[in-house]
Protein backbone atom coordinates (compact mmCIF):
# COMPACT_ATOMS: atom_id res chain seq x y z
CA UNK A 1 -5.32 -37.43 -3.04
CA UNK A 2 -5.45 -34.41 -5.31
CA UNK A 3 -2.99 -32.03 -3.76
CA UNK A 4 0.08 -31.71 -1.68
CA UNK A 5 -0.77 -28.90 0.81
CA UNK A 6 -3.77 -27.01 2.09
CA UNK A 7 -5.01 -23.42 1.25
CA UNK A 8 -4.59 -21.15 3.99
CA UNK A 9 -4.10 -17.53 3.36
CA UNK A 10 -5.94 -14.57 4.41
CA UNK A 11 -5.64 -11.13 3.23
CA UNK A 12 -8.02 -9.75 5.70
CA UNK A 13 -9.08 -6.08 5.65
CA UNK A 14 -6.90 -3.74 7.63
CA UNK A 15 -4.07 -6.26 7.84
CA UNK A 16 -2.35 -4.41 5.02
CA UNK A 17 0.04 -1.53 5.13
CA UNK A 18 -0.78 1.51 3.05
CA UNK A 19 0.01 0.64 -0.55
CA UNK A 20 0.85 -3.15 0.26
CA UNK A 21 0.01 -6.03 -2.13
CA UNK A 22 -2.31 -8.87 -1.56
CA UNK A 23 -1.58 -12.14 0.09
CA UNK A 24 -2.10 -12.99 2.67
CA UNK A 25 -5.97 -10.95 2.66
CA UNK A 26 -7.69 -9.54 -0.15
CA UNK A 27 -8.75 -6.44 1.74
CA UNK A 28 -7.23 -3.17 2.83
CA UNK A 29 -8.27 -0.95 5.67
CA UNK A 30 -10.02 2.43 5.04
CA UNK A 31 -7.24 5.02 4.91
CA UNK A 32 -7.02 7.49 7.71
CA UNK A 33 -6.04 11.15 7.17
CA UNK A 34 -2.62 11.69 8.85
CA UNK A 35 -1.62 15.03 10.39
CA UNK A 36 0.52 17.12 8.05
CA UNK A 37 3.70 16.84 10.24
CA UNK A 38 3.33 12.95 10.21
CA UNK A 39 3.11 12.54 6.35
CA UNK A 40 6.11 11.49 4.51
CA UNK A 41 6.80 13.48 1.29
CA UNK A 42 6.03 12.04 -2.10
CA UNK A 43 9.17 10.19 -3.51
CA UNK A 44 10.13 8.27 -6.62
CA UNK A 45 10.86 5.18 -4.33
CA UNK A 46 9.26 4.06 -0.99
CA UNK A 47 8.68 1.04 0.78
CA UNK A 48 6.52 -0.87 3.45
CA UNK A 49 7.36 -3.78 5.58
CA UNK A 50 5.98 -5.74 8.53
CA UNK A 51 6.73 -8.69 10.84
CA UNK A 52 3.64 -10.67 12.14
CA UNK A 53 2.73 -13.52 14.38
CA UNK A 54 -0.73 -15.14 13.78
CA UNK A 55 -2.37 -18.07 15.73
CA UNK A 56 -2.96 -19.81 12.49
CA UNK A 57 -1.90 -19.19 8.85
CA UNK A 58 -5.26 -19.21 7.04
CA UNK A 59 -5.45 -18.57 3.39
CA UNK A 60 -8.86 -18.33 1.75
CA UNK A 61 -10.51 -20.36 4.48
CA UNK A 62 -8.05 -23.28 4.90
CA UNK A 63 -5.21 -23.61 7.34
CA UNK A 64 -1.66 -23.84 5.87
CA UNK A 65 -0.06 -24.26 9.45
CA UNK A 66 -1.90 -27.28 10.82
CA UNK A 67 -4.02 -24.89 13.06
CA UNK A 68 -0.85 -23.64 14.74
CA UNK A 69 0.83 -20.27 15.06
CA UNK A 70 2.83 -18.86 12.12
CA UNK A 71 5.49 -16.16 11.85
CA UNK A 72 5.21 -14.05 8.82
CA UNK A 73 7.02 -11.17 7.07
CA UNK A 74 6.65 -8.71 4.24
CA UNK A 75 8.80 -6.20 2.34
CA UNK A 76 7.78 -4.07 -0.55
CA UNK A 77 9.43 -1.47 -2.71
CA UNK A 78 7.16 1.13 -4.46
CA UNK A 79 8.07 3.17 -7.55
CA UNK A 80 6.93 6.47 -8.86
CA UNK A 81 4.74 7.23 -5.88
CA UNK A 82 3.35 3.72 -5.84
CA UNK A 83 2.40 3.45 -9.40
CA UNK A 84 4.46 0.08 -9.55
CA UNK A 85 5.79 -2.25 -6.90
CA UNK A 86 7.69 -5.35 -6.21
CA UNK A 87 7.57 -7.37 -2.99
CA UNK A 88 8.06 -10.58 -1.17
CA UNK A 89 6.44 -12.45 1.62
CA UNK A 90 7.61 -15.30 3.90
CA UNK A 91 5.11 -17.64 5.79
CA UNK A 92 5.80 -20.29 8.25
CA UNK A 93 3.89 -23.41 7.21
CA UNK A 94 3.23 -27.01 8.27
CA UNK A 95 2.15 -28.90 5.15
CA UNK A 96 2.10 -32.39 4.05
CA UNK A 97 5.11 -32.03 1.82
CA UNK A 98 7.00 -30.31 4.59
CA UNK A 99 8.59 -27.32 2.75
CA UNK A 100 10.96 -25.25 4.83
CA UNK A 101 8.66 -22.28 4.52
CA UNK A 102 6.56 -20.39 1.95
CA UNK A 103 8.25 -17.69 -0.10
CA UNK A 104 6.07 -15.47 -2.41
CA UNK A 105 7.27 -12.94 -4.93
CA UNK A 106 4.84 -10.38 -6.44
CA UNK A 107 4.97 -7.26 -8.73
CA UNK A 108 2.37 -5.12 -10.32
CA UNK A 109 0.96 -1.68 -11.00
CA UNK A 110 -1.49 0.41 -8.94
CA UNK A 111 -3.23 3.13 -11.14
CA UNK A 112 -5.63 5.52 -9.41
CA UNK A 113 -8.56 7.24 -10.88
CA UNK A 114 -10.12 9.59 -8.35
CA UNK A 115 -11.64 7.38 -5.65
CA UNK A 116 -11.09 4.27 -7.53
CA UNK A 117 -7.64 2.39 -7.02
CA UNK A 118 -6.71 -0.63 -9.06
CA UNK A 119 -4.01 -3.11 -8.61
CA UNK A 120 -2.95 -5.45 -11.35
CA UNK A 121 -0.30 -7.96 -10.42
CA UNK A 122 1.61 -11.23 -10.70
CA UNK A 123 2.26 -13.58 -7.64
CA UNK A 124 4.61 -16.66 -7.65
CA UNK A 125 4.29 -19.06 -4.66
CA UNK A 126 7.56 -20.92 -3.89
CA UNK A 127 7.79 -23.91 -1.46
CA UNK A 128 11.43 -24.91 -1.03
CA UNK A 129 12.72 -28.46 -0.27
CA UNK A 130 9.30 -30.20 -0.53
CA UNK A 131 9.34 -33.96 0.30
CA UNK A 132 6.73 -36.23 -1.36
CA UNK A 133 4.45 -38.25 0.93
CA UNK A 134 4.59 -41.97 0.18
CA UNK A 135 2.21 -44.81 0.99
CA UNK A 136 4.23 -47.04 3.21
CA UNK A 137 2.44 -50.15 2.00
CA UNK A 138 2.23 -49.61 -1.82
CA UNK A 139 5.05 -47.15 -2.36
CA UNK A 140 2.61 -44.95 -4.29
CA UNK A 141 3.07 -41.24 -4.16
CA UNK A 142 0.46 -39.38 -2.32
CA UNK A 143 1.47 -35.78 -3.03
CA UNK A 144 2.79 -33.94 -6.16
CA UNK A 145 6.52 -33.45 -6.51
CA UNK A 146 6.22 -29.65 -6.75
CA UNK A 147 3.50 -27.35 -5.38
CA UNK A 148 4.96 -24.13 -6.71
CA UNK A 149 2.46 -22.14 -8.85
CA UNK A 150 1.64 -18.44 -9.99
CA UNK A 151 -1.36 -16.35 -10.05
CA UNK A 152 -2.27 -13.22 -12.03
CA UNK A 153 -4.62 -10.86 -10.12
CA UNK A 154 -6.78 -7.86 -10.43
CA UNK A 155 -8.05 -5.91 -7.47
CA UNK A 156 -10.18 -2.69 -7.22
CA UNK A 157 -11.01 -0.47 -4.19
CA UNK A 158 -13.42 2.32 -4.25
CA UNK A 159 -13.56 4.91 -1.53
CA UNK A 160 -17.26 5.59 -0.84
CA UNK A 161 -16.68 7.86 1.98
CA UNK A 162 -13.66 8.75 4.12
CA UNK A 163 -14.52 6.00 6.54
CA UNK A 164 -15.84 3.36 4.06
CA UNK A 165 -14.06 1.37 1.30
CA UNK A 166 -15.63 -1.31 -0.96
CA UNK A 167 -13.36 -3.74 -2.90
CA UNK A 168 -13.37 -6.53 -5.49
CA UNK A 169 -10.68 -9.14 -6.17
CA UNK A 170 -10.00 -11.76 -8.88
CA UNK A 171 -7.13 -14.22 -8.94
CA UNK A 172 -6.45 -16.87 -11.57
CA UNK A 173 -3.93 -19.74 -11.80
CA UNK A 174 -3.68 -22.27 -14.70
CA UNK A 175 -1.85 -24.72 -12.57
CA UNK A 176 -3.24 -24.64 -8.94
CA UNK A 177 -0.66 -25.93 -6.52
CA UNK A 178 0.99 -27.99 -9.32
CA UNK A 179 -2.13 -29.97 -9.73
CA UNK A 180 -2.69 -29.02 -13.43
CA UNK A 181 -6.06 -27.69 -12.27
CA UNK A 182 -7.40 -24.23 -12.94
CA UNK A 183 -8.02 -22.04 -9.93
CA UNK A 184 -10.05 -18.79 -10.05
CA UNK A 185 -10.89 -16.90 -6.72
CA UNK A 186 -13.32 -13.99 -6.82
CA UNK A 187 -14.31 -11.97 -3.70
CA UNK A 188 -15.90 -8.77 -2.48
CA UNK A 189 -14.66 -6.87 0.51
CA UNK A 190 -15.82 -3.99 2.77
CA UNK A 191 -13.70 -2.09 5.28
CA UNK A 192 -15.12 0.52 7.71
CA UNK A 193 -13.26 2.80 10.21
CA UNK A 194 -15.28 2.86 13.35
CA UNK A 195 -16.03 6.22 15.07
CA UNK A 196 -13.89 7.15 17.91
CA UNK A 197 -16.86 8.17 19.82
CA UNK A 198 -17.75 4.52 20.25
CA UNK A 199 -14.63 4.06 22.23
CA UNK A 200 -14.91 7.15 24.39
CA UNK A 201 -14.16 4.92 27.46
CA UNK A 202 -10.54 4.80 26.25
CA UNK A 203 -8.15 7.59 26.51
CA UNK A 204 -8.38 9.90 23.55
CA UNK A 205 -4.99 8.90 22.11
CA UNK A 206 -6.16 5.20 21.89
CA UNK A 207 -9.84 5.56 20.76
CA UNK A 208 -9.35 6.23 17.01
CA UNK A 209 -7.73 3.18 15.63
CA UNK A 210 -10.60 0.75 15.31
CA UNK A 211 -11.87 -0.75 12.02
CA UNK A 212 -14.15 -3.52 10.94
CA UNK A 213 -13.93 -5.54 7.76
CA UNK A 214 -15.33 -8.51 5.87
CA UNK A 215 -14.95 -10.51 2.85
CA UNK A 216 -17.05 -13.03 0.87
CA UNK A 217 -15.69 -15.15 -1.95
CA UNK A 218 -15.96 -18.15 -4.08
CA UNK A 219 -13.10 -20.56 -5.19
CA UNK A 220 -13.66 -22.03 -8.51
CA UNK A 221 -11.37 -25.20 -8.93
CA UNK A 222 -11.00 -27.46 -11.82
CA UNK A 223 -9.92 -31.11 -12.22
CA UNK A 224 -6.39 -32.33 -10.95
CA UNK A 225 -4.39 -34.73 -13.01
CA UNK A 226 -0.92 -35.73 -11.59
CA UNK A 227 0.97 -38.72 -10.41
CA UNK A 228 -0.75 -38.53 -7.11
CA UNK A 229 -4.02 -39.13 -8.93
CA UNK A 230 -2.75 -41.77 -11.19
CA UNK A 231 -2.89 -39.28 -14.09
CA UNK A 232 -6.78 -39.62 -13.81
CA UNK A 233 -8.67 -36.47 -13.81
CA UNK A 234 -10.17 -35.69 -10.20
CA UNK A 235 -12.70 -32.97 -9.79
CA UNK A 236 -11.59 -30.63 -7.07
CA UNK A 237 -14.45 -29.21 -4.83
CA UNK A 238 -15.11 -25.53 -5.45
CA UNK A 239 -16.13 -23.61 -2.26
CA UNK A 240 -17.50 -20.42 -0.70
CA UNK A 241 -15.22 -18.60 1.81
CA UNK A 242 -15.83 -15.54 4.17
CA UNK A 243 -14.32 -13.76 7.00
CA UNK A 244 -15.22 -10.97 9.17
CA UNK A 245 -13.09 -9.32 11.83
CA UNK A 246 -12.13 -6.32 14.12
CA UNK A 247 -8.83 -4.57 13.80
CA UNK A 248 -6.95 -1.98 15.99
CA UNK A 249 -3.99 0.24 14.91
CA UNK A 250 -1.82 2.31 17.09
CA UNK A 251 1.09 3.94 15.45
CA UNK A 252 3.12 1.00 14.13
CA UNK A 253 1.19 -1.77 15.94
CA UNK A 254 -1.79 -3.57 14.43
CA UNK A 255 -3.94 -6.14 16.26
CA UNK A 256 -6.48 -8.24 14.31
CA UNK A 257 -9.17 -10.69 15.52
CA UNK A 258 -11.01 -12.44 12.74
CA UNK A 259 -13.54 -15.31 12.12
CA UNK A 260 -13.16 -17.47 9.08
CA UNK A 261 -15.60 -19.94 7.50
CA UNK A 262 -15.99 -22.20 4.37
CA UNK A 263 -18.83 -24.41 3.16
CA UNK A 264 -16.49 -27.42 2.76
CA UNK A 265 -17.10 -30.63 4.67
CA UNK A 266 -14.27 -32.73 6.14
CA UNK A 267 -14.05 -35.09 3.24
CA UNK A 268 -13.82 -32.26 0.69
CA UNK A 269 -11.19 -30.73 2.95
CA UNK A 270 -9.13 -33.79 2.77
CA UNK A 271 -9.34 -33.87 -1.05
CA UNK A 272 -8.09 -30.33 -1.15
CA UNK A 273 -5.34 -30.37 1.50
CA UNK A 274 -3.89 -33.85 1.59
CA UNK A 275 -3.87 -33.55 5.46
CA UNK A 276 -1.79 -36.66 6.50
CA UNK A 277 -4.38 -37.65 9.18
CA UNK A 278 -6.98 -38.30 6.58
CA UNK A 279 -5.09 -41.47 5.75
CA UNK A 280 -5.80 -42.82 9.07
CA UNK A 281 -9.31 -41.39 9.99
CA UNK A 282 -11.36 -42.31 6.87
CA UNK A 283 -10.39 -39.46 4.52
CA UNK A 284 -11.27 -36.42 6.70
CA UNK A 285 -9.47 -33.04 7.52
CA UNK A 286 -10.37 -30.38 10.01
CA UNK A 287 -8.36 -27.66 8.31
CA UNK A 288 -11.24 -26.21 6.55
CA UNK A 289 -13.56 -25.61 9.57
CA UNK A 290 -14.58 -22.54 11.38
CA UNK A 291 -11.71 -20.67 12.74
CA UNK A 292 -10.99 -17.52 15.01
CA UNK A 293 -7.56 -16.26 14.39
CA UNK A 294 -5.72 -13.50 16.09
CA UNK A 295 -2.62 -11.68 14.89
CA UNK A 296 -0.15 -9.06 16.11
CA UNK A 297 1.86 -7.11 13.56
CA UNK A 298 4.68 -4.38 13.70
CA UNK A 299 4.54 -2.38 10.44
CA UNK A 300 5.75 0.77 8.82
CA UNK A 301 5.92 2.55 5.43
CA UNK A 302 7.07 5.81 3.94
CA UNK A 303 3.38 6.83 3.52
CA UNK A 304 2.51 6.08 7.22
CA UNK A 305 5.76 6.01 9.12
CA UNK A 306 4.08 5.94 12.60
CA UNK A 307 6.45 6.37 15.48
CA UNK A 308 9.25 6.77 12.88
CA UNK A 309 7.66 10.08 11.82
CA UNK A 310 9.40 11.92 14.60
CA UNK A 311 12.72 11.56 12.60
CA UNK A 312 11.13 11.00 9.29
CA UNK A 313 14.06 8.71 8.47
CA UNK A 314 12.05 6.54 6.26
CA UNK A 315 11.41 9.23 3.69
CA UNK A 316 14.76 10.92 4.07
CA UNK A 317 16.53 7.61 3.30
CA UNK A 318 15.00 7.68 -0.20
CA UNK A 319 15.22 11.38 -1.11
């Protein structure tokens, strides 16, 4: 087996707060113009946070939670009006090495040039208290000892129109999931704010929060060479990944329903994920198949305080 866990992360469009980093999606929703009374004033320091439940933790097309629900959280501090940031994420996982959870640290800069926004960052993925999977017959290790790894990232968003944003993402790791294999993920994204007139059957206060988004990308993976492969180079299958979905935002509440798809077959999926069931069913895994995933999120930030704008405590706290 070539790896100790599965890929399963999504960073779907419109699942991010204003100014938040990637991770879980590699997309952002088209920004909406807020009423002047709801906007937080510019400040040297600001922050964003969310708490979320998703019906599956999917990262770049592959489940990291065994096709089960996952609780997730995010907190970010932004400096100098979002020119720089630091953040962390937590993710509930169900992986072959049984870590307690996934903890991600990220930092970067976000320069803006007119309608073009860039994000140059560093991400570290940490899986505490992993346990190696061992063959009960031979005693051989089936997973690596440590899945921790890091990525460097570059992202760009271009606002074509107030309701339309196009994006491009590039992530690179020299040691993908501790496999001593390179991993490069490149994708393109689109996010579109839907006209409120399409939802005129709803009360006016609820008709303007809909957006659609999509992503198409390719994961280029190298050869793994660890104790789990007998220190023999094992080529990992590269693959195509895509998602498309609909999101709805009302004040601090965000709902998202999204379809995820890869071109991996079940045997390739087992090679990547190390899904323990593959050792009993002929080397197959269903973690990479088509998936429809829903999520519900409570979010806030100093730039889009939502219901908290009435007291404006978010921005006042950092003045």
